[in-house]
């Protein structure tokens, strides 16, 4: 896949993380912390897909989300936001089990930072996919 093809393909990935992020923010506004946290996690993972596809032409769809953070860091290489992006994705992934499968609801205090982490990843994805 050429660089232009990769970028065009990654644009199709970009709508999903933006929709998840928008939903997460709406859920925070309505004080629905658990759905906000879940949407933030999905926004982050989807943003990783867009970033990695934009930079490498393809992304892994492995079930092991821990590998996703390594894949993201490797694809970003020396990018100024590589460490922040990897950290944000790791933090989102670390909460996936608790948010999606835990017996208790997530508090707003836990959800807000997750939404901020997702914002970081979606911003990086937008920058990389839409840059000239």
N, C-alpha and C. Protein backbone atom coordinates (compact mmCIF):
# COMPACT_ATOMS: atom_id res chain seq x y z
N UNK A 1 0.85 -1.17 0.00
CA UNK A 1 0.00 0.00 0.00
C UNK A 1 0.89 1.24 0.00
N UNK A 2 0.62 2.17 -0.91
CA UNK A 2 1.41 3.40 -0.96
C UNK A 2 1.06 4.29 0.22
N UNK A 3 1.89 5.31 0.44
CA UNK A 3 1.65 6.24 1.54
C UNK A 3 0.29 6.93 1.38
N UNK A 4 -0.06 7.32 0.16
CA UNK A 4 -1.35 7.97 -0.09
C UNK A 4 -2.50 7.00 0.16
N UNK A 5 -2.35 5.76 -0.26
CA UNK A 5 -3.38 4.75 -0.02
C UNK A 5 -3.54 4.51 1.49
N UNK A 6 -2.43 4.45 2.20
CA UNK A 6 -2.48 4.27 3.66
C UNK A 6 -3.23 5.41 4.32
N UNK A 7 -2.92 6.61 3.88
CA UNK A 7 -3.57 7.78 4.47
C UNK A 7 -5.07 7.78 4.18
N UNK A 8 -5.44 7.46 2.95
CA UNK A 8 -6.86 7.39 2.60
C UNK A 8 -7.57 6.30 3.38
N UNK A 9 -6.91 5.16 3.54
CA UNK A 9 -7.49 4.06 4.30
C UNK A 9 -7.65 4.46 5.77
N UNK A 10 -6.67 5.16 6.31
CA UNK A 10 -6.73 5.56 7.71
C UNK A 10 -7.83 6.59 7.95
N UNK A 11 -8.17 7.38 6.92
CA UNK A 11 -9.27 8.35 7.07
C UNK A 11 -10.58 7.63 7.38
N UNK A 12 -10.74 6.44 6.80
CA UNK A 12 -11.96 5.69 7.09
C UNK A 12 -11.98 5.21 8.54
N UNK A 13 -10.80 5.01 9.13
CA UNK A 13 -10.73 4.62 10.55
C UNK A 13 -11.04 5.80 11.47
N UNK A 14 -10.85 7.01 11.00
CA UNK A 14 -10.89 8.18 11.85
C UNK A 14 -12.29 8.55 12.34
N UNK A 15 -13.31 8.23 11.60
CA UNK A 15 -14.67 8.58 12.02
C UNK A 15 -15.07 7.85 13.29
N UNK A 16 -14.67 6.59 13.40
CA UNK A 16 -15.06 5.79 14.56
C UNK A 16 -14.52 6.37 15.87
N UNK A 17 -13.22 6.66 15.99
CA UNK A 17 -12.76 7.21 17.28
C UNK A 17 -13.39 8.56 17.60
N UNK A 18 -13.66 9.37 16.57
CA UNK A 18 -14.29 10.66 16.83
C UNK A 18 -15.71 10.48 17.35
N UNK A 19 -16.45 9.52 16.79
CA UNK A 19 -17.80 9.26 17.27
C UNK A 19 -17.79 8.73 18.71
N UNK A 20 -16.86 7.82 19.00
CA UNK A 20 -16.74 7.33 20.38
C UNK A 20 -16.39 8.46 21.34
N UNK A 21 -15.47 9.33 20.94
CA UNK A 21 -15.07 10.44 21.79
C UNK A 21 -16.24 11.40 22.01
N UNK A 22 -16.96 11.72 20.95
CA UNK A 22 -18.13 12.59 21.08
C UNK A 22 -19.15 11.98 22.05
N UNK A 23 -19.37 10.69 21.92
CA UNK A 23 -20.30 9.99 22.81
C UNK A 23 -19.80 10.02 24.25
N UNK A 24 -18.50 9.81 24.43
CA UNK A 24 -17.93 9.86 25.78
C UNK A 24 -18.15 11.23 26.41
N UNK A 25 -17.92 12.28 25.64
CA UNK A 25 -18.11 13.63 26.17
C UNK A 25 -19.58 13.90 26.49
N UNK A 26 -20.47 13.43 25.61
CA UNK A 26 -21.91 13.58 25.88
C UNK A 26 -22.29 12.84 27.16
N UNK A 27 -21.77 11.63 27.32
CA UNK A 27 -22.08 10.86 28.52
C UNK A 27 -21.54 11.51 29.78
N UNK A 28 -20.36 12.13 29.68
CA UNK A 28 -19.85 12.87 30.84
C UNK A 28 -20.78 14.03 31.19
N UNK A 29 -21.22 14.75 30.17
CA UNK A 29 -22.13 15.88 30.41
C UNK A 29 -23.41 15.43 31.11
N UNK A 30 -23.84 14.22 30.80
CA UNK A 30 -25.06 13.66 31.41
C UNK A 30 -24.77 12.87 32.68
N UNK A 31 -23.51 12.91 33.12
CA UNK A 31 -23.04 12.23 34.33
C UNK A 31 -23.26 10.72 34.28
N UNK A 32 -23.11 10.16 33.08
CA UNK A 32 -23.16 8.71 32.90
C UNK A 32 -21.70 8.25 32.74
N UNK A 33 -21.06 8.05 33.87
CA UNK A 33 -19.62 7.83 33.89
C UNK A 33 -19.20 6.49 33.28
N UNK A 34 -19.93 5.44 33.54
CA UNK A 34 -19.52 4.13 33.01
C UNK A 34 -19.56 4.11 31.48
N UNK A 35 -20.66 4.55 30.84
CA UNK A 35 -20.63 4.59 29.38
C UNK A 35 -19.59 5.57 28.84
N UNK A 36 -19.35 6.67 29.55
CA UNK A 36 -18.31 7.62 29.12
C UNK A 36 -16.95 6.94 29.12
N UNK A 37 -16.67 6.19 30.16
CA UNK A 37 -15.39 5.49 30.25
C UNK A 37 -15.26 4.43 29.15
N UNK A 38 -16.32 3.69 28.92
CA UNK A 38 -16.30 2.67 27.87
C UNK A 38 -16.09 3.29 26.49
N UNK A 39 -16.79 4.37 26.24
CA UNK A 39 -16.62 5.06 24.95
C UNK A 39 -15.20 5.61 24.80
N UNK A 40 -14.63 6.11 25.90
CA UNK A 40 -13.27 6.64 25.85
C UNK A 40 -12.27 5.53 25.51
N UNK A 41 -12.45 4.37 26.09
CA UNK A 41 -11.57 3.23 25.81
C UNK A 41 -11.66 2.86 24.33
N UNK A 42 -12.87 2.77 23.82
CA UNK A 42 -13.04 2.41 22.42
C UNK A 42 -12.51 3.51 21.49
N UNK A 43 -12.65 4.77 21.89
CA UNK A 43 -12.10 5.87 21.10
C UNK A 43 -10.58 5.75 21.01
N UNK A 44 -9.95 5.44 22.13
CA UNK A 44 -8.50 5.31 22.14
C UNK A 44 -7.99 4.17 21.29
N UNK A 45 -8.64 3.02 21.40
CA UNK A 45 -8.24 1.86 20.61
C UNK A 45 -8.46 2.13 19.12
N UNK A 46 -9.57 2.76 18.79
CA UNK A 46 -9.85 3.08 17.39
C UNK A 46 -8.89 4.14 16.85
N UNK A 47 -8.52 5.09 17.70
CA UNK A 47 -7.54 6.10 17.28
C UNK A 47 -6.19 5.45 17.01
N UNK A 48 -5.83 4.47 17.82
CA UNK A 48 -4.59 3.72 17.57
C UNK A 48 -4.62 3.10 16.20
N UNK A 49 -5.76 2.51 15.82
CA UNK A 49 -5.89 1.90 14.50
C UNK A 49 -5.66 2.93 13.39
N UNK A 50 -6.23 4.12 13.55
CA UNK A 50 -6.07 5.17 12.54
C UNK A 50 -4.62 5.64 12.46
N UNK A 51 -3.99 5.82 13.61
CA UNK A 51 -2.60 6.29 13.65
C UNK A 51 -1.67 5.28 13.00
N UNK A 52 -1.78 4.04 13.43
CA UNK A 52 -0.88 3.01 12.92
C UNK A 52 -1.10 2.79 11.42
N UNK A 53 -2.34 2.82 10.98
CA UNK A 53 -2.62 2.66 9.56
C UNK A 53 -2.05 3.82 8.75
N UNK A 54 -2.19 5.02 9.27
CA UNK A 54 -1.65 6.19 8.56
C UNK A 54 -0.14 6.09 8.40
N UNK A 55 0.53 5.55 9.42
CA UNK A 55 1.99 5.53 9.41
C UNK A 55 2.60 4.28 8.78
N UNK A 56 1.87 3.16 8.84
CA UNK A 56 2.47 1.89 8.37
C UNK A 56 1.68 1.20 7.27
N UNK A 57 0.44 1.62 7.06
CA UNK A 57 -0.37 0.99 6.03
C UNK A 57 -1.31 -0.08 6.53
N UNK A 58 -1.11 -0.54 7.77
CA UNK A 58 -2.02 -1.55 8.33
C UNK A 58 -1.91 -1.53 9.85
N UNK A 59 -2.90 -2.12 10.50
CA UNK A 59 -2.89 -2.20 11.95
C UNK A 59 -3.28 -3.60 12.38
N UNK A 60 -2.77 -4.00 13.51
CA UNK A 60 -3.07 -5.32 14.06
C UNK A 60 -4.46 -5.32 14.69
N UNK A 61 -5.13 -6.42 14.57
CA UNK A 61 -6.45 -6.57 15.20
C UNK A 61 -6.39 -7.68 16.26
N UNK A 62 -5.25 -7.78 16.93
CA UNK A 62 -5.06 -8.82 17.93
C UNK A 62 -5.97 -8.60 19.14
N UNK A 63 -6.32 -9.68 19.78
CA UNK A 63 -7.15 -9.61 20.99
C UNK A 63 -6.35 -9.07 22.18
N UNK A 64 -5.04 -9.22 22.14
CA UNK A 64 -4.17 -8.76 23.22
C UNK A 64 -3.95 -7.26 23.08
N UNK A 65 -4.71 -6.49 23.83
CA UNK A 65 -4.62 -5.03 23.71
C UNK A 65 -3.30 -4.48 24.25
N UNK A 66 -2.60 -5.24 25.08
CA UNK A 66 -1.30 -4.78 25.56
C UNK A 66 -0.33 -4.62 24.40
N UNK A 67 -0.46 -5.46 23.40
CA UNK A 67 0.39 -5.35 22.21
C UNK A 67 0.06 -4.09 21.41
N UNK A 68 -1.16 -3.59 21.56
CA UNK A 68 -1.57 -2.41 20.82
C UNK A 68 -0.73 -1.19 21.20
N UNK A 69 -0.41 -1.04 22.47
CA UNK A 69 0.40 0.09 22.92
C UNK A 69 1.80 0.00 22.34
N UNK A 70 2.36 -1.20 22.29
CA UNK A 70 3.69 -1.38 21.69
C UNK A 70 3.65 -1.07 20.20
N UNK A 71 2.59 -1.53 19.54
CA UNK A 71 2.44 -1.27 18.10
C UNK A 71 2.35 0.23 17.84
N UNK A 72 1.59 0.93 18.68
CA UNK A 72 1.45 2.38 18.55
C UNK A 72 2.79 3.08 18.72
N UNK A 73 3.50 2.72 19.76
CA UNK A 73 4.80 3.36 20.04
C UNK A 73 5.77 3.11 18.89
N UNK A 74 5.79 1.89 18.40
CA UNK A 74 6.69 1.55 17.30
C UNK A 74 6.34 2.35 16.05
N UNK A 75 5.06 2.46 15.74
CA UNK A 75 4.64 3.20 14.55
C UNK A 75 4.97 4.69 14.69
N UNK A 76 4.80 5.25 15.87
CA UNK A 76 5.06 6.67 16.07
C UNK A 76 6.55 6.99 16.11
N UNK A 77 7.36 6.02 16.47
CA UNK A 77 8.81 6.21 16.46
C UNK A 77 9.24 7.45 17.24
N UNK A 78 9.86 8.40 16.56
CA UNK A 78 10.40 9.60 17.20
C UNK A 78 9.40 10.76 17.23
N UNK A 79 8.16 10.51 16.88
CA UNK A 79 7.14 11.57 16.91
C UNK A 79 7.12 12.22 18.30
N UNK A 80 6.97 13.51 18.35
CA UNK A 80 7.03 14.25 19.62
C UNK A 80 6.02 13.77 20.65
N UNK A 81 4.91 13.17 20.21
CA UNK A 81 3.88 12.72 21.14
C UNK A 81 3.87 11.20 21.33
N UNK A 82 4.92 10.52 20.90
CA UNK A 82 4.95 9.06 20.97
C UNK A 82 4.78 8.54 22.40
N UNK A 83 5.53 9.09 23.33
CA UNK A 83 5.45 8.62 24.72
C UNK A 83 4.09 8.91 25.33
N UNK A 84 3.56 10.09 25.08
CA UNK A 84 2.25 10.46 25.63
C UNK A 84 1.15 9.58 25.04
N UNK A 85 1.26 9.28 23.76
CA UNK A 85 0.26 8.44 23.11
C UNK A 85 0.29 7.03 23.68
N UNK A 86 1.49 6.48 23.83
CA UNK A 86 1.61 5.14 24.38
C UNK A 86 1.06 5.09 25.81
N UNK A 87 1.41 6.08 26.61
CA UNK A 87 0.93 6.14 28.00
C UNK A 87 -0.59 6.24 28.04
N UNK A 88 -1.16 7.09 27.21
CA UNK A 88 -2.61 7.26 27.18
C UNK A 88 -3.31 5.95 26.81
N UNK A 89 -2.79 5.27 25.80
CA UNK A 89 -3.41 4.01 25.39
C UNK A 89 -3.26 2.95 26.47
N UNK A 90 -2.11 2.86 27.10
CA UNK A 90 -1.91 1.89 28.18
C UNK A 90 -2.89 2.14 29.33
N UNK A 91 -3.09 3.40 29.68
CA UNK A 91 -4.02 3.72 30.77
C UNK A 91 -5.45 3.36 30.39
N UNK A 92 -5.84 3.62 29.16
CA UNK A 92 -7.18 3.25 28.71
C UNK A 92 -7.35 1.74 28.74
N UNK A 93 -6.39 1.03 28.19
CA UNK A 93 -6.48 -0.43 28.13
C UNK A 93 -6.50 -1.05 29.53
N UNK A 94 -5.74 -0.46 30.44
CA UNK A 94 -5.69 -1.01 31.80
C UNK A 94 -7.04 -0.96 32.50
N UNK A 95 -7.91 -0.07 32.07
CA UNK A 95 -9.23 0.07 32.69
C UNK A 95 -10.32 -0.71 31.96
N UNK A 96 -9.99 -1.31 30.84
CA UNK A 96 -10.99 -1.99 30.01
C UNK A 96 -11.75 -3.06 30.78
N UNK A 97 -11.06 -3.92 31.49
CA UNK A 97 -11.72 -4.99 32.23
C UNK A 97 -12.66 -4.46 33.30
N UNK A 98 -12.18 -3.50 34.07
CA UNK A 98 -13.00 -2.92 35.13
C UNK A 98 -14.24 -2.23 34.58
N UNK A 99 -14.06 -1.48 33.50
CA UNK A 99 -15.18 -0.72 32.92
C UNK A 99 -16.20 -1.66 32.27
N UNK A 100 -15.71 -2.59 31.48
CA UNK A 100 -16.63 -3.41 30.69
C UNK A 100 -17.14 -4.65 31.42
N UNK A 101 -16.36 -5.17 32.35
CA UNK A 101 -16.76 -6.44 32.97
C UNK A 101 -16.88 -6.37 34.48
N UNK A 102 -16.50 -5.25 35.08
CA UNK A 102 -16.57 -5.11 36.53
C UNK A 102 -18.00 -5.02 37.04
N UNK A 103 -18.17 -5.35 38.29
CA UNK A 103 -19.51 -5.37 38.89
C UNK A 103 -19.98 -3.99 39.35
N UNK A 104 -19.06 -3.05 39.48
CA UNK A 104 -19.45 -1.72 39.97
C UNK A 104 -19.42 -0.69 38.85
N UNK A 105 -20.19 0.35 39.05
CA UNK A 105 -20.19 1.46 38.10
C UNK A 105 -18.92 2.29 38.27
N UNK A 106 -18.52 2.94 37.22
CA UNK A 106 -17.34 3.80 37.22
C UNK A 106 -17.76 5.19 37.69
N UNK A 107 -16.93 5.81 38.51
CA UNK A 107 -17.23 7.16 38.99
C UNK A 107 -16.82 8.20 37.95
N UNK A 108 -17.38 9.38 38.10
CA UNK A 108 -16.98 10.49 37.22
C UNK A 108 -15.50 10.80 37.41
N UNK A 109 -15.00 10.66 38.62
CA UNK A 109 -13.59 10.93 38.89
C UNK A 109 -12.68 9.97 38.11
N UNK A 110 -13.12 8.76 37.86
CA UNK A 110 -12.34 7.81 37.07
C UNK A 110 -12.58 8.00 35.57
N UNK A 111 -13.78 8.40 35.20
CA UNK A 111 -14.12 8.53 33.79
C UNK A 111 -13.47 9.74 33.13
N UNK A 112 -13.42 10.85 33.84
CA UNK A 112 -12.89 12.09 33.24
C UNK A 112 -11.47 11.94 32.71
N UNK A 113 -10.54 11.35 33.47
CA UNK A 113 -9.19 11.20 32.92
C UNK A 113 -9.14 10.26 31.72
N UNK A 114 -10.02 9.28 31.69
CA UNK A 114 -10.06 8.37 30.54
C UNK A 114 -10.49 9.12 29.28
N UNK A 115 -11.45 9.99 29.43
CA UNK A 115 -11.90 10.79 28.28
C UNK A 115 -10.77 11.71 27.82
N UNK A 116 -10.02 12.28 28.76
CA UNK A 116 -8.87 13.13 28.38
C UNK A 116 -7.81 12.32 27.64
N UNK A 117 -7.57 11.09 28.08
CA UNK A 117 -6.59 10.22 27.39
C UNK A 117 -7.05 9.94 25.96
N UNK A 118 -8.33 9.67 25.81
CA UNK A 118 -8.88 9.41 24.47
C UNK A 118 -8.74 10.64 23.59
N UNK A 119 -8.94 11.82 24.16
CA UNK A 119 -8.80 13.07 23.40
C UNK A 119 -7.39 13.21 22.85
N UNK A 120 -6.39 12.87 23.66
CA UNK A 120 -5.00 12.94 23.22
C UNK A 120 -4.80 12.08 21.99
N UNK A 121 -5.29 10.85 22.04
CA UNK A 121 -5.10 9.92 20.93
C UNK A 121 -5.87 10.35 19.69
N UNK A 122 -7.08 10.83 19.85
CA UNK A 122 -7.86 11.27 18.69
C UNK A 122 -7.22 12.51 18.06
N UNK A 123 -6.68 13.41 18.88
CA UNK A 123 -5.99 14.59 18.33
C UNK A 123 -4.77 14.18 17.52
N UNK A 124 -3.99 13.24 18.05
CA UNK A 124 -2.81 12.77 17.31
C UNK A 124 -3.24 12.10 16.01
N UNK A 125 -4.28 11.29 16.08
CA UNK A 125 -4.78 10.63 14.87
C UNK A 125 -5.19 11.66 13.83
N UNK A 126 -5.93 12.66 14.23
CA UNK A 126 -6.35 13.70 13.29
C UNK A 126 -5.14 14.41 12.69
N UNK A 127 -4.17 14.73 13.51
CA UNK A 127 -2.97 15.40 13.02
C UNK A 127 -2.25 14.55 11.96
N UNK A 128 -2.08 13.29 12.24
CA UNK A 128 -1.32 12.43 11.33
C UNK A 128 -2.09 12.10 10.06
N UNK A 129 -3.38 11.90 10.18
CA UNK A 129 -4.18 11.51 9.00
C UNK A 129 -4.41 12.70 8.09
N UNK A 130 -4.60 13.87 8.64
CA UNK A 130 -4.96 15.04 7.82
C UNK A 130 -3.79 15.92 7.47
N UNK A 131 -2.60 15.62 7.97
CA UNK A 131 -1.45 16.48 7.64
C UNK A 131 -1.17 16.40 6.13
N UNK A 132 -0.63 17.49 5.57
CA UNK A 132 -0.34 17.49 4.12
C UNK A 132 0.77 16.53 3.74
